[in-house]
């Protein structure tokens, strides 16, 4: 299952990049929150200064992965359903979430 999810994310990410689903960050985040009820649940910073984020709605299971470039443009990388955090380990504490 884990490999299937990874493959789906790679394929979806490739399609998203090809379509260039990008827009200014503020209205994009507002759309994710207003239309899908998704809020940030994880983020990381790349060496190039891009911010990668996972937005999710724990009630519906919808999720979206985005990258925000240093110029403030947010691009959709992948999206889907059945988001869950069960059995994951917190990178901060090392304890199960």
C-alpha atoms as a PDB file:
ATOM      1  CA  UNK A   1       0.000   0.000   0.000  1.00  0.00           C
ATOM      2  CA  UNK A   2       2.802   2.394   0.918  1.00  0.00           C
ATOM      3  CA  UNK A   3       4.515   1.855  -2.458  1.00  0.00           C
ATOM      4  CA  UNK A   4       1.238   2.342  -4.305  1.00  0.00           C
ATOM      5  CA  UNK A   5       0.699   5.677  -2.541  1.00  0.00           C
ATOM      6  CA  UNK A   6       4.246   6.782  -3.339  1.00  0.00           C
ATOM      7  CA  UNK A   7       3.831   5.845  -7.004  1.00  0.00           C
ATOM      8  CA  UNK A   8       0.500   7.679  -7.155  1.00  0.00           C
ATOM      9  CA  UNK A   9       2.098  10.796  -5.645  1.00  0.00           C
ATOM     10  CA  UNK A  10       4.949  10.725  -8.159  1.00  0.00           C
ATOM     11  CA  UNK A  11       2.597  10.291 -11.101  1.00  0.00           C
ATOM     12  CA  UNK A  12       0.199  12.949  -9.829  1.00  0.00           C
ATOM     13  CA  UNK A  13       3.110  15.279  -9.141  1.00  0.00           C
ATOM     14  CA  UNK A  14       4.414  14.879 -12.669  1.00  0.00           C
ATOM     15  CA  UNK A  15       1.019  15.713 -14.125  1.00  0.00           C
ATOM     16  CA  UNK A  16       0.636  18.736 -11.839  1.00  0.00           C
ATOM     17  CA  UNK A  17       4.029  20.139 -12.795  1.00  0.00           C
ATOM     18  CA  UNK A  18       3.307  19.587 -16.490  1.00  0.00           C
ATOM     19  CA  UNK A  19       0.079  21.587 -16.151  1.00  0.00           C
ATOM     20  CA  UNK A  20       1.780  24.313 -14.089  1.00  0.00           C
ATOM     21  CA  UNK A  21      -1.008  24.606 -11.509  1.00  0.00           C
ATOM     22  CA  UNK A  22       0.550  27.658  -9.884  1.00  0.00           C
ATOM     23  CA  UNK A  23      -0.809  30.894  -8.430  1.00  0.00           C
ATOM     24  CA  UNK A  24       0.028  33.424  -5.703  1.00  0.00           C
ATOM     25  CA  UNK A  25       0.236  31.755  -2.277  1.00  0.00           C
ATOM     26  CA  UNK A  26      -2.365  33.704  -0.278  1.00  0.00           C
ATOM     27  CA  UNK A  27      -5.404  33.076  -2.527  1.00  0.00           C
ATOM     28  CA  UNK A  28      -4.271  29.477  -3.089  1.00  0.00           C
ATOM     29  CA  UNK A  29      -4.135  28.731   0.646  1.00  0.00           C
ATOM     30  CA  UNK A  30      -7.497  30.474   1.142  1.00  0.00           C
ATOM     31  CA  UNK A  31      -9.003  28.280  -1.591  1.00  0.00           C
ATOM     32  CA  UNK A  32      -7.670  25.101   0.050  1.00  0.00           C
ATOM     33  CA  UNK A  33      -9.132  26.199   3.381  1.00  0.00           C
ATOM     34  CA  UNK A  34     -12.480  27.524   2.104  1.00  0.00           C
ATOM     35  CA  UNK A  35     -13.258  24.981  -0.620  1.00  0.00           C
ATOM     36  CA  UNK A  36     -11.732  21.828   0.887  1.00  0.00           C
ATOM     37  CA  UNK A  37     -11.381  22.588   4.599  1.00  0.00           C
ATOM     38  CA  UNK A  38      -7.669  21.763   4.371  1.00  0.00           C
ATOM     39  CA  UNK A  39      -5.097  23.235   6.737  1.00  0.00           C
ATOM     40  CA  UNK A  40      -1.318  22.799   6.874  1.00  0.00           C
ATOM     41  CA  UNK A  41      -0.293  19.621   8.728  1.00  0.00           C
ATOM     42  CA  UNK A  42       3.381  19.438   7.704  1.00  0.00           C
ATOM     43  CA  UNK A  43       5.988  21.607   6.006  1.00  0.00           C
ATOM     44  CA  UNK A  44       9.653  21.615   5.123  1.00  0.00           C
ATOM     45  CA  UNK A  45      12.185  23.940   3.541  1.00  0.00           C
ATOM     46  CA  UNK A  46      14.343  22.889   0.596  1.00  0.00           C
ATOM     47  CA  UNK A  47      17.931  24.048   0.119  1.00  0.00           C
ATOM     48  CA  UNK A  48      16.728  26.279  -2.708  1.00  0.00           C
ATOM     49  CA  UNK A  49      14.362  28.120  -0.381  1.00  0.00           C
ATOM     50  CA  UNK A  50      11.103  26.499  -1.541  1.00  0.00           C
ATOM     51  CA  UNK A  51       8.565  25.544   1.127  1.00  0.00           C
ATOM     52  CA  UNK A  52       6.894  22.151   0.705  1.00  0.00           C
ATOM     53  CA  UNK A  53       3.597  21.728   2.576  1.00  0.00           C
ATOM     54  CA  UNK A  54       0.964  19.099   3.126  1.00  0.00           C
ATOM     55  CA  UNK A  55      -2.560  20.429   3.643  1.00  0.00           C
ATOM     56  CA  UNK A  56      -5.234  18.034   4.872  1.00  0.00           C
ATOM     57  CA  UNK A  57      -8.800  17.821   6.118  1.00  0.00           C
ATOM     58  CA  UNK A  58      -8.936  15.111   8.806  1.00  0.00           C
ATOM     59  CA  UNK A  59     -12.731  14.904   8.578  1.00  0.00           C
ATOM     60  CA  UNK A  60     -12.984  14.249   4.826  1.00  0.00           C
ATOM     61  CA  UNK A  61      -9.517  12.750   4.283  1.00  0.00           C
ATOM     62  CA  UNK A  62      -8.682  15.119   1.417  1.00  0.00           C
ATOM     63  CA  UNK A  63      -5.056  16.235   1.125  1.00  0.00           C
ATOM     64  CA  UNK A  64      -2.906  18.459  -1.068  1.00  0.00           C
ATOM     65  CA  UNK A  65       0.873  18.738  -1.392  1.00  0.00           C
ATOM     66  CA  UNK A  66       2.200  22.111  -2.510  1.00  0.00           C
ATOM     67  CA  UNK A  67       5.495  23.864  -3.064  1.00  0.00           C
ATOM     68  CA  UNK A  68       5.826  27.603  -2.614  1.00  0.00           C
ATOM     69  CA  UNK A  69       8.722  29.147  -4.485  1.00  0.00           C
ATOM     70  CA  UNK A  70      10.795  31.965  -2.979  1.00  0.00           C
ATOM     71  CA  UNK A  71       8.879  34.423  -5.202  1.00  0.00           C
ATOM     72  CA  UNK A  72       5.627  33.593  -3.348  1.00  0.00           C
ATOM     73  CA  UNK A  73       4.075  31.461  -6.095  1.00  0.00           C
ATOM     74  CA  UNK A  74       2.466  28.250  -4.818  1.00  0.00           C
ATOM     75  CA  UNK A  75       2.288  25.216  -7.126  1.00  0.00           C
ATOM     76  CA  UNK A  76       0.150  22.112  -6.713  1.00  0.00           C
ATOM     77  CA  UNK A  77       2.261  18.950  -6.582  1.00  0.00           C
ATOM     78  CA  UNK A  78      -0.352  16.294  -5.796  1.00  0.00           C
ATOM     79  CA  UNK A  79      -3.749  15.834  -4.160  1.00  0.00           C
ATOM     80  CA  UNK A  80      -5.967  12.969  -3.135  1.00  0.00           C
ATOM     81  CA  UNK A  81      -8.029  11.350  -0.422  1.00  0.00           C
ATOM     82  CA  UNK A  82      -7.863   8.967   2.529  1.00  0.00           C
ATOM     83  CA  UNK A  83      -5.361  11.104   4.482  1.00  0.00           C
ATOM     84  CA  UNK A  84      -4.419   9.647   7.855  1.00  0.00           C
ATOM     85  CA  UNK A  85      -1.675   9.991  10.430  1.00  0.00           C
ATOM     86  CA  UNK A  86      -2.221   6.770  12.347  1.00  0.00           C
ATOM     87  CA  UNK A  87       0.949   4.905  13.199  1.00  0.00           C
ATOM     88  CA  UNK A  88       3.268   7.714  12.123  1.00  0.00           C
ATOM     89  CA  UNK A  89       6.114   8.912  14.311  1.00  0.00           C
ATOM     90  CA  UNK A  90       6.514  12.581  15.221  1.00  0.00           C
ATOM     91  CA  UNK A  91       9.780  13.960  13.816  1.00  0.00           C
ATOM     92  CA  UNK A  92       9.998  16.255  16.838  1.00  0.00           C
ATOM     93  CA  UNK A  93       9.467  13.836  19.706  1.00  0.00           C
ATOM     94  CA  UNK A  94      10.051  10.447  18.053  1.00  0.00           C
ATOM     95  CA  UNK A  95       6.814   9.278  19.644  1.00  0.00           C
ATOM     96  CA  UNK A  96       3.798   7.828  17.774  1.00  0.00           C
ATOM     97  CA  UNK A  97       1.252  10.453  16.760  1.00  0.00           C
END
